[in-house]
Amino acid sequence: MDMTLYSTIRLLALVGSGLVAGAMAAHTVVLGTILTWLLNERRPQELHTLLDGYRKRYLARIMVYWAVFGVHFLAISGFAIVALRDGHGTWLAIAAAAIGGPLWVGIHLSTFGRLEAKAMTTPEALTEAERARFVRYNGALHVFYAFCLCVSFILIALTPV
């Protein structure tokens, strides 16, 4: 197989999208579900135990997460640019880049990110309204994010080689 720039970037975008989609799905199913349940059931001791180790490494985890997402975003953006240049399934590539990047990140950062950070680092500081909002939207938003990343992966896979 001839590894052109397009096929190399397509492969990187495909692998990156699959990894990030899988990580988001795992985060949604495991940590997100447990955290929502603990907050909903008002179980402060169990919540403290769960988050104690997480808080100690929170900054490092966030930096790694955003670094991985940054590489993923560069890969899908580069893929869309090269696909446009080379004429390979352009609408699929543009849709994959938009859905796998700015769409879900923009929604998260503009609506839910600060509340999630507060719930993950200082859940005892949540007001009752914030706790209720977190419990109500955490699962649905993260399922939507995982869905966007899976759709992005599928669209990249559907682009012609």
N, C-alpha and C. Protein backbone atom coordinates (compact mmCIF):
# COMPACT_ATOMS: atom_id res chain seq x y z
N MET A 1 0.85 -1.18 0.00
CA MET A 1 0.00 0.00 0.00
C MET A 1 0.89 1.24 0.00
N ASP A 2 0.56 2.17 -0.82
CA ASP A 2 1.31 3.42 -0.92
C ASP A 2 0.89 4.35 0.21
N MET A 3 1.82 4.67 1.13
CA MET A 3 1.52 5.54 2.27
C MET A 3 1.73 6.99 1.87
N THR A 4 0.74 7.57 1.25
CA THR A 4 0.79 8.98 0.89
C THR A 4 0.52 9.82 2.14
N LEU A 5 0.69 11.12 2.02
CA LEU A 5 0.38 12.02 3.14
C LEU A 5 -1.07 11.82 3.57
N TYR A 6 -1.97 11.75 2.61
CA TYR A 6 -3.39 11.57 2.92
C TYR A 6 -3.62 10.29 3.71
N SER A 7 -3.10 9.16 3.24
CA SER A 7 -3.37 7.90 3.92
C SER A 7 -2.70 7.84 5.29
N THR A 8 -1.56 8.50 5.44
CA THR A 8 -0.90 8.55 6.75
C THR A 8 -1.72 9.36 7.74
N ILE A 9 -2.16 10.54 7.33
CA ILE A 9 -2.96 11.38 8.22
C ILE A 9 -4.32 10.74 8.48
N ARG A 10 -4.88 10.10 7.49
CA ARG A 10 -6.15 9.39 7.68
C ARG A 10 -6.00 8.31 8.74
N LEU A 11 -4.90 7.55 8.65
CA LEU A 11 -4.65 6.50 9.64
C LEU A 11 -4.48 7.09 11.04
N LEU A 12 -3.72 8.17 11.16
CA LEU A 12 -3.54 8.83 12.46
C LEU A 12 -4.87 9.36 13.01
N ALA A 13 -5.67 9.96 12.14
CA ALA A 13 -6.97 10.48 12.56
C ALA A 13 -7.89 9.34 12.97
N LEU A 14 -7.85 8.25 12.25
CA LEU A 14 -8.70 7.10 12.57
C LEU A 14 -8.31 6.48 13.91
N VAL A 15 -7.02 6.25 14.11
CA VAL A 15 -6.55 5.68 15.38
C VAL A 15 -6.84 6.63 16.54
N GLY A 16 -6.52 7.91 16.34
CA GLY A 16 -6.77 8.90 17.39
C GLY A 16 -8.24 9.00 17.74
N SER A 17 -9.10 9.02 16.72
CA SER A 17 -10.55 9.11 16.97
C SER A 17 -11.05 7.88 17.71
N GLY A 18 -10.56 6.72 17.32
CA GLY A 18 -10.97 5.50 18.01
C GLY A 18 -10.54 5.49 19.47
N LEU A 19 -9.33 5.92 19.74
CA LEU A 19 -8.84 5.97 21.11
C LEU A 19 -9.62 6.97 21.96
N VAL A 20 -9.82 8.16 21.42
CA VAL A 20 -10.52 9.19 22.18
C VAL A 20 -12.00 8.80 22.37
N ALA A 21 -12.62 8.22 21.35
CA ALA A 21 -14.02 7.78 21.48
C ALA A 21 -14.13 6.68 22.53
N GLY A 22 -13.21 5.74 22.51
CA GLY A 22 -13.21 4.67 23.51
C GLY A 22 -12.99 5.20 24.91
N ALA A 23 -12.05 6.13 25.06
CA ALA A 23 -11.79 6.72 26.37
C ALA A 23 -13.00 7.48 26.89
N MET A 24 -13.67 8.22 26.01
CA MET A 24 -14.86 8.96 26.43
C MET A 24 -15.98 8.00 26.82
N ALA A 25 -16.15 6.93 26.04
CA ALA A 25 -17.18 5.95 26.38
C ALA A 25 -16.89 5.30 27.73
N ALA A 26 -15.64 4.94 27.97
CA ALA A 26 -15.26 4.35 29.26
C ALA A 26 -15.47 5.34 30.40
N HIS A 27 -15.08 6.58 30.18
CA HIS A 27 -15.27 7.62 31.19
C HIS A 27 -16.76 7.78 31.51
N THR A 28 -17.58 7.75 30.48
CA THR A 28 -19.02 7.92 30.64
C THR A 28 -19.61 6.76 31.44
N VAL A 29 -19.25 5.55 31.05
CA VAL A 29 -19.85 4.37 31.66
C VAL A 29 -19.34 4.15 33.09
N VAL A 30 -18.04 4.33 33.30
CA VAL A 30 -17.48 3.99 34.61
C VAL A 30 -17.50 5.18 35.56
N LEU A 31 -16.62 6.12 35.36
CA LEU A 31 -16.47 7.21 36.31
C LEU A 31 -17.70 8.11 36.36
N GLY A 32 -18.22 8.46 35.19
CA GLY A 32 -19.38 9.34 35.15
C GLY A 32 -20.59 8.74 35.85
N THR A 33 -20.84 7.47 35.63
CA THR A 33 -21.98 6.80 36.25
C THR A 33 -21.82 6.72 37.77
N ILE A 34 -20.63 6.35 38.21
CA ILE A 34 -20.39 6.23 39.65
C ILE A 34 -20.50 7.59 40.32
N LEU A 35 -19.87 8.59 39.73
CA LEU A 35 -19.91 9.93 40.32
C LEU A 35 -21.35 10.46 40.39
N THR A 36 -22.09 10.29 39.33
CA THR A 36 -23.49 10.73 39.32
C THR A 36 -24.29 10.01 40.39
N TRP A 37 -24.10 8.71 40.51
CA TRP A 37 -24.84 7.93 41.51
C TRP A 37 -24.49 8.40 42.93
N LEU A 38 -23.19 8.58 43.20
CA LEU A 38 -22.78 9.01 44.54
C LEU A 38 -23.33 10.40 44.88
N LEU A 39 -23.31 11.30 43.91
CA LEU A 39 -23.87 12.63 44.16
C LEU A 39 -25.39 12.57 44.33
N ASN A 40 -26.04 11.77 43.52
CA ASN A 40 -27.49 11.65 43.59
C ASN A 40 -27.94 11.03 44.92
N GLU A 41 -27.20 10.04 45.37
CA GLU A 41 -27.55 9.35 46.62
C GLU A 41 -27.03 10.08 47.86
N ARG A 42 -26.30 11.17 47.62
CA ARG A 42 -25.73 11.96 48.72
C ARG A 42 -24.91 11.06 49.65
N ARG A 43 -23.90 10.42 49.07
CA ARG A 43 -23.03 9.53 49.83
C ARG A 43 -21.65 10.18 49.94
N PRO A 44 -21.50 11.13 50.84
CA PRO A 44 -20.26 11.91 50.90
C PRO A 44 -19.02 11.09 51.25
N GLN A 45 -19.14 10.09 52.12
CA GLN A 45 -17.95 9.32 52.50
C GLN A 45 -17.42 8.51 51.32
N GLU A 46 -18.28 7.84 50.61
CA GLU A 46 -17.86 7.07 49.45
C GLU A 46 -17.32 7.98 48.35
N LEU A 47 -17.97 9.13 48.17
CA LEU A 47 -17.53 10.10 47.18
C LEU A 47 -16.13 10.62 47.53
N HIS A 48 -15.93 10.92 48.80
CA HIS A 48 -14.61 11.38 49.25
C HIS A 48 -13.55 10.32 48.99
N THR A 49 -13.86 9.07 49.29
CA THR A 49 -12.91 7.97 49.06
C THR A 49 -12.58 7.84 47.58
N LEU A 50 -13.59 7.89 46.74
CA LEU A 50 -13.39 7.78 45.29
C LEU A 50 -12.51 8.90 44.76
N LEU A 51 -12.80 10.11 45.20
CA LEU A 51 -12.14 11.27 44.62
C LEU A 51 -10.83 11.64 45.31
N ASP A 52 -10.54 11.05 46.47
CA ASP A 52 -9.34 11.43 47.20
C ASP A 52 -8.08 11.25 46.34
N GLY A 53 -7.90 10.08 45.77
CA GLY A 53 -6.75 9.84 44.92
C GLY A 53 -6.84 10.62 43.62
N TYR A 54 -8.05 10.78 43.12
CA TYR A 54 -8.24 11.50 41.86
C TYR A 54 -7.81 12.96 42.00
N ARG A 55 -8.18 13.58 43.13
CA ARG A 55 -7.83 14.99 43.34
C ARG A 55 -6.33 15.22 43.38
N LYS A 56 -5.60 14.28 43.94
CA LYS A 56 -4.14 14.44 44.05
C LYS A 56 -3.48 14.48 42.68
N ARG A 57 -4.10 13.83 41.72
CA ARG A 57 -3.53 13.78 40.37
C ARG A 57 -4.41 14.50 39.35
N TYR A 58 -5.31 15.35 39.81
CA TYR A 58 -6.28 15.99 38.91
C TYR A 58 -5.60 16.81 37.82
N LEU A 59 -4.67 17.68 38.20
CA LEU A 59 -4.03 18.54 37.21
C LEU A 59 -3.28 17.72 36.18
N ALA A 60 -2.55 16.71 36.63
CA ALA A 60 -1.81 15.86 35.69
C ALA A 60 -2.76 15.13 34.75
N ARG A 61 -3.87 14.63 35.28
CA ARG A 61 -4.84 13.92 34.44
C ARG A 61 -5.46 14.86 33.41
N ILE A 62 -5.82 16.05 33.85
CA ILE A 62 -6.42 17.02 32.92
C ILE A 62 -5.42 17.40 31.84
N MET A 63 -4.16 17.61 32.22
CA MET A 63 -3.14 17.98 31.23
C MET A 63 -2.94 16.85 30.21
N VAL A 64 -2.91 15.61 30.68
CA VAL A 64 -2.76 14.47 29.76
C VAL A 64 -3.99 14.38 28.86
N TYR A 65 -5.17 14.52 29.44
CA TYR A 65 -6.40 14.45 28.65
C TYR A 65 -6.39 15.49 27.54
N TRP A 66 -6.10 16.74 27.89
CA TRP A 66 -6.14 17.79 26.88
C TRP A 66 -4.99 17.66 25.88
N ALA A 67 -3.86 17.09 26.30
CA ALA A 67 -2.77 16.84 25.35
C ALA A 67 -3.20 15.79 24.33
N VAL A 68 -3.81 14.71 24.82
CA VAL A 68 -4.29 13.65 23.91
C VAL A 68 -5.37 14.21 23.00
N PHE A 69 -6.31 14.96 23.57
CA PHE A 69 -7.35 15.53 22.73
C PHE A 69 -6.76 16.53 21.74
N GLY A 70 -5.75 17.30 22.16
CA GLY A 70 -5.11 18.26 21.26
C GLY A 70 -4.49 17.57 20.06
N VAL A 71 -3.80 16.45 20.31
CA VAL A 71 -3.21 15.68 19.20
C VAL A 71 -4.32 15.14 18.31
N HIS A 72 -5.38 14.64 18.93
CA HIS A 72 -6.52 14.13 18.16
C HIS A 72 -7.13 15.24 17.30
N PHE A 73 -7.32 16.41 17.89
CA PHE A 73 -7.90 17.53 17.16
C PHE A 73 -7.01 17.95 15.99
N LEU A 74 -5.69 17.99 16.21
CA LEU A 74 -4.77 18.32 15.12
C LEU A 74 -4.83 17.27 14.01
N ALA A 75 -4.93 16.00 14.41
CA ALA A 75 -4.99 14.92 13.42
C ALA A 75 -6.26 15.01 12.57
N ILE A 76 -7.42 15.22 13.21
CA ILE A 76 -8.64 15.27 12.40
C ILE A 76 -8.72 16.56 11.60
N SER A 77 -8.16 17.65 12.12
CA SER A 77 -8.13 18.90 11.35
C SER A 77 -7.20 18.76 10.16
N GLY A 78 -6.02 18.19 10.40
CA GLY A 78 -5.08 17.94 9.30
C GLY A 78 -5.67 17.01 8.26
N PHE A 79 -6.38 16.00 8.74
CA PHE A 79 -7.04 15.07 7.83
C PHE A 79 -8.05 15.79 6.95
N ALA A 80 -8.86 16.67 7.54
CA ALA A 80 -9.86 17.41 6.76
C ALA A 80 -9.18 18.30 5.72
N ILE A 81 -8.09 18.96 6.11
CA ILE A 81 -7.37 19.84 5.19
C ILE A 81 -6.78 19.06 4.03
N VAL A 82 -6.10 17.96 4.34
CA VAL A 82 -5.48 17.15 3.28
C VAL A 82 -6.54 16.48 2.42
N ALA A 83 -7.65 16.05 3.02
CA ALA A 83 -8.73 15.44 2.24
C ALA A 83 -9.33 16.46 1.27
N LEU A 84 -9.50 17.69 1.73
CA LEU A 84 -9.99 18.75 0.84
C LEU A 84 -9.01 19.00 -0.29
N ARG A 85 -7.73 19.06 0.06
CA ARG A 85 -6.71 19.33 -0.95
C ARG A 85 -6.66 18.22 -2.00
N ASP A 86 -6.77 16.97 -1.54
CA ASP A 86 -6.63 15.83 -2.45
C ASP A 86 -7.95 15.32 -3.02
N GLY A 87 -9.08 15.89 -2.58
CA GLY A 87 -10.38 15.51 -3.12
C GLY A 87 -10.89 14.16 -2.67
N HIS A 88 -10.59 13.76 -1.44
CA HIS A 88 -11.05 12.47 -0.90
C HIS A 88 -12.25 12.68 0.03
N GLY A 89 -13.44 12.35 -0.41
CA GLY A 89 -14.62 12.38 0.46
C GLY A 89 -14.71 13.64 1.31
N THR A 90 -14.67 14.79 0.66
CA THR A 90 -14.50 16.05 1.39
C THR A 90 -15.59 16.31 2.41
N TRP A 91 -16.85 16.07 2.11
CA TRP A 91 -17.89 16.37 3.09
C TRP A 91 -17.78 15.45 4.29
N LEU A 92 -17.36 14.19 4.08
CA LEU A 92 -17.16 13.27 5.20
C LEU A 92 -16.03 13.76 6.11
N ALA A 93 -14.95 14.22 5.50
CA ALA A 93 -13.80 14.69 6.27
C ALA A 93 -14.14 15.95 7.07
N ILE A 94 -14.84 16.87 6.44
CA ILE A 94 -15.22 18.11 7.13
C ILE A 94 -16.18 17.79 8.28
N ALA A 95 -17.15 16.94 8.04
CA ALA A 95 -18.09 16.56 9.09
C ALA A 95 -17.37 15.85 10.24
N ALA A 96 -16.44 14.96 9.90
CA ALA A 96 -15.68 14.24 10.94
C ALA A 96 -14.89 15.21 11.81
N ALA A 97 -14.25 16.19 11.18
CA ALA A 97 -13.45 17.16 11.93
C ALA A 97 -14.34 18.05 12.79
N ALA A 98 -15.48 18.46 12.27
CA ALA A 98 -16.38 19.35 13.02
C ALA A 98 -17.03 18.62 14.20
N ILE A 99 -17.49 17.42 13.96
CA ILE A 99 -18.18 16.67 15.01
C ILE A 99 -17.19 16.16 16.05
N GLY A 100 -16.03 15.72 15.61
CA GLY A 100 -15.05 15.15 16.53
C GLY A 100 -14.25 16.18 17.29
N GLY A 101 -14.43 17.46 16.98
CA GLY A 101 -13.65 18.49 17.63
C GLY A 101 -14.50 19.60 18.22
N PRO A 102 -14.69 20.66 17.48
CA PRO A 102 -15.31 21.86 18.03
C PRO A 102 -16.74 21.67 18.56
N LEU A 103 -17.51 20.78 17.96
CA LEU A 103 -18.91 20.64 18.39
C LEU A 103 -19.01 20.23 19.85
N TRP A 104 -18.48 19.06 20.19
CA TRP A 104 -18.67 18.59 21.56
C TRP A 104 -17.82 19.35 22.56
N VAL A 105 -16.61 19.76 22.16
CA VAL A 105 -15.76 20.52 23.09
C VAL A 105 -16.38 21.88 23.38
N GLY A 106 -16.91 22.52 22.35
CA GLY A 106 -17.56 23.81 22.55
C GLY A 106 -18.74 23.71 23.50
N ILE A 107 -19.54 22.68 23.34
CA ILE A 107 -20.68 22.48 24.23
C ILE A 107 -20.18 22.25 25.66
N HIS A 108 -19.17 21.40 25.81
CA HIS A 108 -18.66 21.08 27.15
C HIS A 108 -18.07 22.31 27.83
N LEU A 109 -17.23 23.03 27.13
CA LEU A 109 -16.56 24.17 27.75
C LEU A 109 -17.52 25.33 28.01
N SER A 110 -18.55 25.46 27.19
CA SER A 110 -19.47 26.58 27.38
C SER A 110 -20.58 26.28 28.39
N THR A 111 -20.81 25.03 28.70
CA THR A 111 -21.95 24.73 29.56
C THR A 111 -21.61 23.92 30.81
N PHE A 112 -20.77 22.93 30.69
CA PHE A 112 -20.71 21.91 31.74
C PHE A 112 -19.33 21.73 32.35
N GLY A 113 -18.30 22.16 31.67
CA GLY A 113 -16.93 21.88 32.11
C GLY A 113 -16.60 22.37 33.51
N ARG A 114 -16.98 23.60 33.82
CA ARG A 114 -16.68 24.15 35.14
C ARG A 114 -17.40 23.38 36.25
N LEU A 115 -18.65 23.03 36.00
CA LEU A 115 -19.42 22.28 36.99
C LEU A 115 -18.81 20.89 37.20
N GLU A 116 -18.40 20.24 36.12
CA GLU A 116 -17.77 18.93 36.24
C GLU A 116 -16.46 19.02 37.02
N ALA A 117 -15.66 20.04 36.74
CA ALA A 117 -14.39 20.22 37.47
C ALA A 117 -14.65 20.41 38.95
N LYS A 118 -15.67 21.17 39.29
CA LYS A 118 -16.02 21.40 40.70
C LYS A 118 -16.48 20.09 41.35
N ALA A 119 -17.30 19.33 40.63
CA ALA A 119 -17.79 18.06 41.17
C ALA A 119 -16.65 17.06 41.37
N MET A 120 -15.64 17.11 40.50
CA MET A 120 -14.53 16.17 40.58
C MET A 120 -13.49 16.57 41.62
N THR A 121 -13.39 17.84 41.94
CA THR A 121 -12.35 18.28 42.85
C THR A 121 -12.87 18.66 44.23
N THR A 122 -13.99 19.34 44.29
CA THR A 122 -14.56 19.76 45.58
C THR A 122 -16.07 19.55 45.59
N PRO A 123 -16.52 18.29 45.58
CA PRO A 123 -17.96 18.05 45.51
C PRO A 123 -18.71 18.58 46.72
N GLU A 124 -18.02 18.69 47.85
CA GLU A 124 -18.69 19.22 49.04
C GLU A 124 -19.04 20.69 48.89
N ALA A 125 -18.40 21.38 47.94
CA ALA A 125 -18.68 22.81 47.72
C ALA A 125 -19.84 23.03 46.76
N LEU A 126 -20.39 21.96 46.19
CA LEU A 126 -21.53 22.11 45.28
C LEU A 126 -22.76 22.57 46.05
N THR A 127 -23.45 23.54 45.48
CA THR A 127 -24.75 23.91 46.05
C THR A 127 -25.75 22.82 45.67
N GLU A 128 -26.90 22.84 46.28
CA GLU A 128 -27.92 21.85 45.95
C GLU A 128 -28.36 21.98 44.49
N ALA A 129 -28.45 23.20 44.00
CA ALA A 129 -28.83 23.42 42.59
C ALA A 129 -27.75 22.88 41.65
N GLU A 130 -26.48 23.09 41.99
CA GLU A 130 -25.39 22.58 41.16
C GLU A 130 -25.36 21.05 41.19
N ARG A 131 -25.56 20.47 42.36
CA ARG A 131 -25.58 19.02 42.47
C ARG A 131 -26.70 18.44 41.60
N ALA A 132 -27.88 19.04 41.69
CA ALA A 132 -29.02 18.57 40.90
C ALA A 132 -28.75 18.72 39.40
N ARG A 133 -28.15 19.83 39.01
CA ARG A 133 -27.82 20.05 37.59
C ARG A 133 -26.80 19.03 37.12
N PHE A 134 -25.78 18.77 37.93
CA PHE A 134 -24.77 17.78 37.57
C PHE A 134 -25.40 16.40 37.39
N VAL A 135 -26.20 15.99 38.37
CA VAL A 135 -26.84 14.67 38.33
C VAL A 135 -27.74 14.57 37.09
N ARG A 136 -28.43 15.65 36.78
CA ARG A 136 -29.37 15.61 35.65
C ARG A 136 -28.67 15.52 34.29
N TYR A 137 -27.57 16.26 34.12
CA TYR A 137 -26.97 16.39 32.78
C TYR A 137 -25.69 15.58 32.56
N ASN A 138 -25.03 15.12 33.59
CA ASN A 138 -23.73 14.46 33.42
C ASN A 138 -23.80 13.28 32.46
N GLY A 139 -24.68 12.36 32.72
CA GLY A 139 -24.77 11.17 31.88
C GLY A 139 -25.15 11.49 30.44
N ALA A 140 -26.18 12.29 30.27
CA ALA A 140 -26.66 12.61 28.92
C ALA A 140 -25.61 13.35 28.10
N LEU A 141 -24.94 14.32 28.71
CA LEU A 141 -23.92 15.06 27.96
C LEU A 141 -22.75 14.17 27.58
N HIS A 142 -22.29 13.33 28.50
CA HIS A 142 -21.15 12.47 28.17
C HIS A 142 -21.51 11.39 27.15
N VAL A 143 -22.73 10.91 27.17
CA VAL A 143 -23.18 10.00 26.10
C VAL A 143 -23.16 10.74 24.77
N PHE A 144 -23.61 11.98 24.76
CA PHE A 144 -23.58 12.79 23.54
C PHE A 144 -22.15 12.99 23.06
N TYR A 145 -21.22 13.30 23.98
CA TYR A 145 -19.82 13.48 23.59
C TYR A 145 -19.25 12.19 22.99
N ALA A 146 -19.51 11.07 23.65
CA ALA A 146 -19.01 9.79 23.14
C ALA A 146 -19.64 9.49 21.77
N PHE A 147 -20.91 9.80 21.61
CA PHE A 147 -21.59 9.61 20.33
C PHE A 147 -20.92 10.45 19.24
N CYS A 148 -20.64 11.73 19.53
CA CYS A 148 -19.97 12.60 18.55
C CYS A 148 -18.63 12.02 18.13
N LEU A 149 -17.86 11.54 19.09
CA LEU A 149 -16.54 10.99 18.78
C LEU A 149 -16.66 9.69 17.98
N CYS A 150 -17.67 8.87 18.28
CA CYS A 150 -17.88 7.64 17.51
C CYS A 150 -18.31 7.96 16.08
N VAL A 151 -19.18 8.95 15.93
CA VAL A 151 -19.60 9.38 14.59
C VAL A 151 -18.40 9.90 13.81
N SER A 152 -17.56 10.68 14.45
CA SER A 152 -16.36 11.18 13.79
C SER A 152 -15.48 10.03 13.32
N PHE A 153 -15.30 9.04 14.16
CA PHE A 153 -14.52 7.85 13.80
C PHE A 153 -15.13 7.14 12.58
N ILE A 154 -16.43 6.96 12.60
CA ILE A 154 -17.11 6.27 11.48
C ILE A 154 -16.97 7.08 10.19
N LEU A 155 -17.13 8.40 10.28
CA LEU A 155 -17.00 9.22 9.07
C LEU A 155 -15.59 9.16 8.50
N ILE A 156 -14.59 9.15 9.36
CA ILE A 156 -13.20 9.01 8.87
C ILE A 156 -13.02 7.65 8.21
N ALA A 157 -13.57 6.61 8.83
CA ALA A 157 -13.45 5.26 8.26
C ALA A 157 -14.15 5.16 6.91
N LEU A 158 -15.21 5.94 6.70
CA LEU A 158 -15.96 5.91 5.44
C LEU A 158 -15.33 6.71 4.32
N THR A 159 -14.38 7.56 4.65
CA THR A 159 -13.75 8.34 3.57
C THR A 159 -12.95 7.40 2.66
N PRO A 160 -12.94 7.69 1.38
CA PRO A 160 -12.21 6.82 0.45
C PRO A 160 -10.71 6.83 0.74
N VAL A 161 -10.10 5.69 0.54
CA VAL A 161 -8.65 5.57 0.76
C VAL A 161 -7.90 6.10 -0.43
